[in-house]
Amino acid sequence: MRTTKVTIKASSLPMGSPLGIIILFGLLLDRLAAPGWVWGVVGTLALALVIEFIRQRTVGQEHDVPGFGELS
């Protein structure tokens, strides 16, 4: 399996988890009483975000940004 390069290492920048935005959209849809098909579309997009997030964290290769990160 080919590794992909992730531009910034986790020690240089906080991890961008999609959990917060998924919760936000879930609360918004609940508040607006969205129909079932909208829940399905948003749920499918949320699942795609989670899969891509997990793929980047497991397969991606991290690199430090010059001048940032852990001090030696």
C-alpha atoms as a PDB file:
ATOM      1  CA  MET A   1       0.000   0.000   0.000  1.00  0.00           C
ATOM      2  CA  ARG A   2       1.338   3.418  -0.975  1.00  0.00           C
ATOM      3  CA  THR A   3       1.913   6.012   1.772  1.00  0.00           C
ATOM      4  CA  THR A   4       0.726   9.561   1.305  1.00  0.00           C
ATOM      5  CA  LYS A   5       2.464  12.649   2.656  1.00  0.00           C
ATOM      6  CA  VAL A   6       0.608  14.721   5.211  1.00  0.00           C
ATOM      7  CA  THR A   7       2.014  18.225   5.235  1.00  0.00           C
ATOM      8  CA  ILE A   8       2.103  19.021   8.969  1.00  0.00           C
ATOM      9  CA  LYS A   9       3.046  16.701  11.831  1.00  0.00           C
ATOM     10  CA  ALA A  10       0.628  16.382  14.756  1.00  0.00           C
ATOM     11  CA  SER A  11       3.217  17.871  17.137  1.00  0.00           C
ATOM     12  CA  SER A  12       3.191  21.046  15.008  1.00  0.00           C
ATOM     13  CA  LEU A  13      -0.585  21.437  14.721  1.00  0.00           C
ATOM     14  CA  PRO A  14      -3.544  19.984  16.638  1.00  0.00           C
ATOM     15  CA  MET A  15      -5.271  17.038  15.012  1.00  0.00           C
ATOM     16  CA  GLY A  16      -8.264  18.058  12.881  1.00  0.00           C
ATOM     17  CA  SER A  17     -10.890  15.547  13.973  1.00  0.00           C
ATOM     18  CA  PRO A  18     -14.220  15.768  12.129  1.00  0.00           C
ATOM     19  CA  LEU A  19     -16.164  14.903  15.299  1.00  0.00           C
ATOM     20  CA  GLY A  20     -17.006  18.509  16.209  1.00  0.00           C
ATOM     21  CA  ILE A  21     -18.411  19.423  12.810  1.00  0.00           C
ATOM     22  CA  ILE A  22     -20.418  16.178  12.670  1.00  0.00           C
ATOM     23  CA  ILE A  23     -22.001  16.942  16.042  1.00  0.00           C
ATOM     24  CA  LEU A  24     -22.703  20.527  14.965  1.00  0.00           C
ATOM     25  CA  PHE A  25     -24.476  19.460  11.770  1.00  0.00           C
ATOM     26  CA  GLY A  26     -26.426  16.794  13.676  1.00  0.00           C
ATOM     27  CA  LEU A  27     -27.691  19.375  16.159  1.00  0.00           C
ATOM     28  CA  LEU A  28     -28.532  21.788  13.332  1.00  0.00           C
ATOM     29  CA  LEU A  29     -30.510  19.161  11.423  1.00  0.00           C
ATOM     30  CA  ASP A  30     -32.361  18.209  14.593  1.00  0.00           C
ATOM     31  CA  ARG A  31     -33.192  21.844  15.314  1.00  0.00           C
ATOM     32  CA  LEU A  32     -34.457  22.437  11.763  1.00  0.00           C
ATOM     33  CA  ALA A  33     -36.445  19.160  11.766  1.00  0.00           C
ATOM     34  CA  ALA A  34     -34.776  18.082   8.542  1.00  0.00           C
ATOM     35  CA  PRO A  35     -36.398  15.302   6.499  1.00  0.00           C
ATOM     36  CA  GLY A  36     -34.928  11.817   6.428  1.00  0.00           C
ATOM     37  CA  TRP A  37     -33.200  12.170   3.074  1.00  0.00           C
ATOM     38  CA  VAL A  38     -31.201  15.172   4.372  1.00  0.00           C
ATOM     39  CA  TRP A  39     -30.089  13.089   7.362  1.00  0.00           C
ATOM     40  CA  GLY A  40     -28.997  10.389   4.929  1.00  0.00           C
ATOM     41  CA  VAL A  41     -26.965  12.792   2.782  1.00  0.00           C
ATOM     42  CA  VAL A  42     -25.281  14.421   5.784  1.00  0.00           C
ATOM     43  CA  GLY A  43     -24.674  11.009   7.365  1.00  0.00           C
ATOM     44  CA  THR A  44     -23.034   9.749   4.179  1.00  0.00           C
ATOM     45  CA  LEU A  45     -20.768  12.806   4.010  1.00  0.00           C
ATOM     46  CA  ALA A  46     -19.930  12.430   7.712  1.00  0.00           C
ATOM     47  CA  LEU A  47     -19.002   8.791   7.160  1.00  0.00           C
ATOM     48  CA  ALA A  48     -16.762   9.777   4.240  1.00  0.00           C
ATOM     49  CA  LEU A  49     -15.040  12.384   6.471  1.00  0.00           C
ATOM     50  CA  VAL A  50     -14.439   9.835   9.220  1.00  0.00           C
ATOM     51  CA  ILE A  51     -13.066   7.247   6.785  1.00  0.00           C
ATOM     52  CA  GLU A  52     -10.690   9.783   5.228  1.00  0.00           C
ATOM     53  CA  PHE A  53      -9.602  11.000   8.684  1.00  0.00           C
ATOM     54  CA  ILE A  54      -8.807   7.449   9.817  1.00  0.00           C
ATOM     55  CA  ARG A  55      -7.009   6.717   6.519  1.00  0.00           C
ATOM     56  CA  GLN A  56      -4.807   9.793   6.886  1.00  0.00           C
ATOM     57  CA  ARG A  57      -3.964   8.987  10.505  1.00  0.00           C
ATOM     58  CA  THR A  58      -3.039   5.363   9.764  1.00  0.00           C
ATOM     59  CA  VAL A  59      -1.480   5.456   6.266  1.00  0.00           C
ATOM     60  CA  GLY A  60      -0.276   9.056   5.979  1.00  0.00           C
ATOM     61  CA  GLN A  61       3.326  10.027   6.560  1.00  0.00           C
ATOM     62  CA  GLU A  62       3.848  13.063   8.818  1.00  0.00           C
ATOM     63  CA  HIS A  63       6.489  15.754   8.379  1.00  0.00           C
ATOM     64  CA  ASP A  64       7.519  18.564  10.728  1.00  0.00           C
ATOM     65  CA  VAL A  65       7.172  22.135   9.615  1.00  0.00           C
ATOM     66  CA  PRO A  66      10.622  23.795   9.724  1.00  0.00           C
ATOM     67  CA  GLY A  67      10.927  25.887  12.883  1.00  0.00           C
ATOM     68  CA  PHE A  68       7.962  24.295  14.679  1.00  0.00           C
ATOM     69  CA  GLY A  69       7.240  21.082  16.534  1.00  0.00           C
ATOM     70  CA  GLU A  70       9.140  19.369  19.290  1.00  0.00           C
ATOM     71  CA  LEU A  71      12.324  21.074  20.408  1.00  0.00           C
ATOM     72  CA  SER A  72      15.482  18.960  20.489  1.00  0.00           C
END
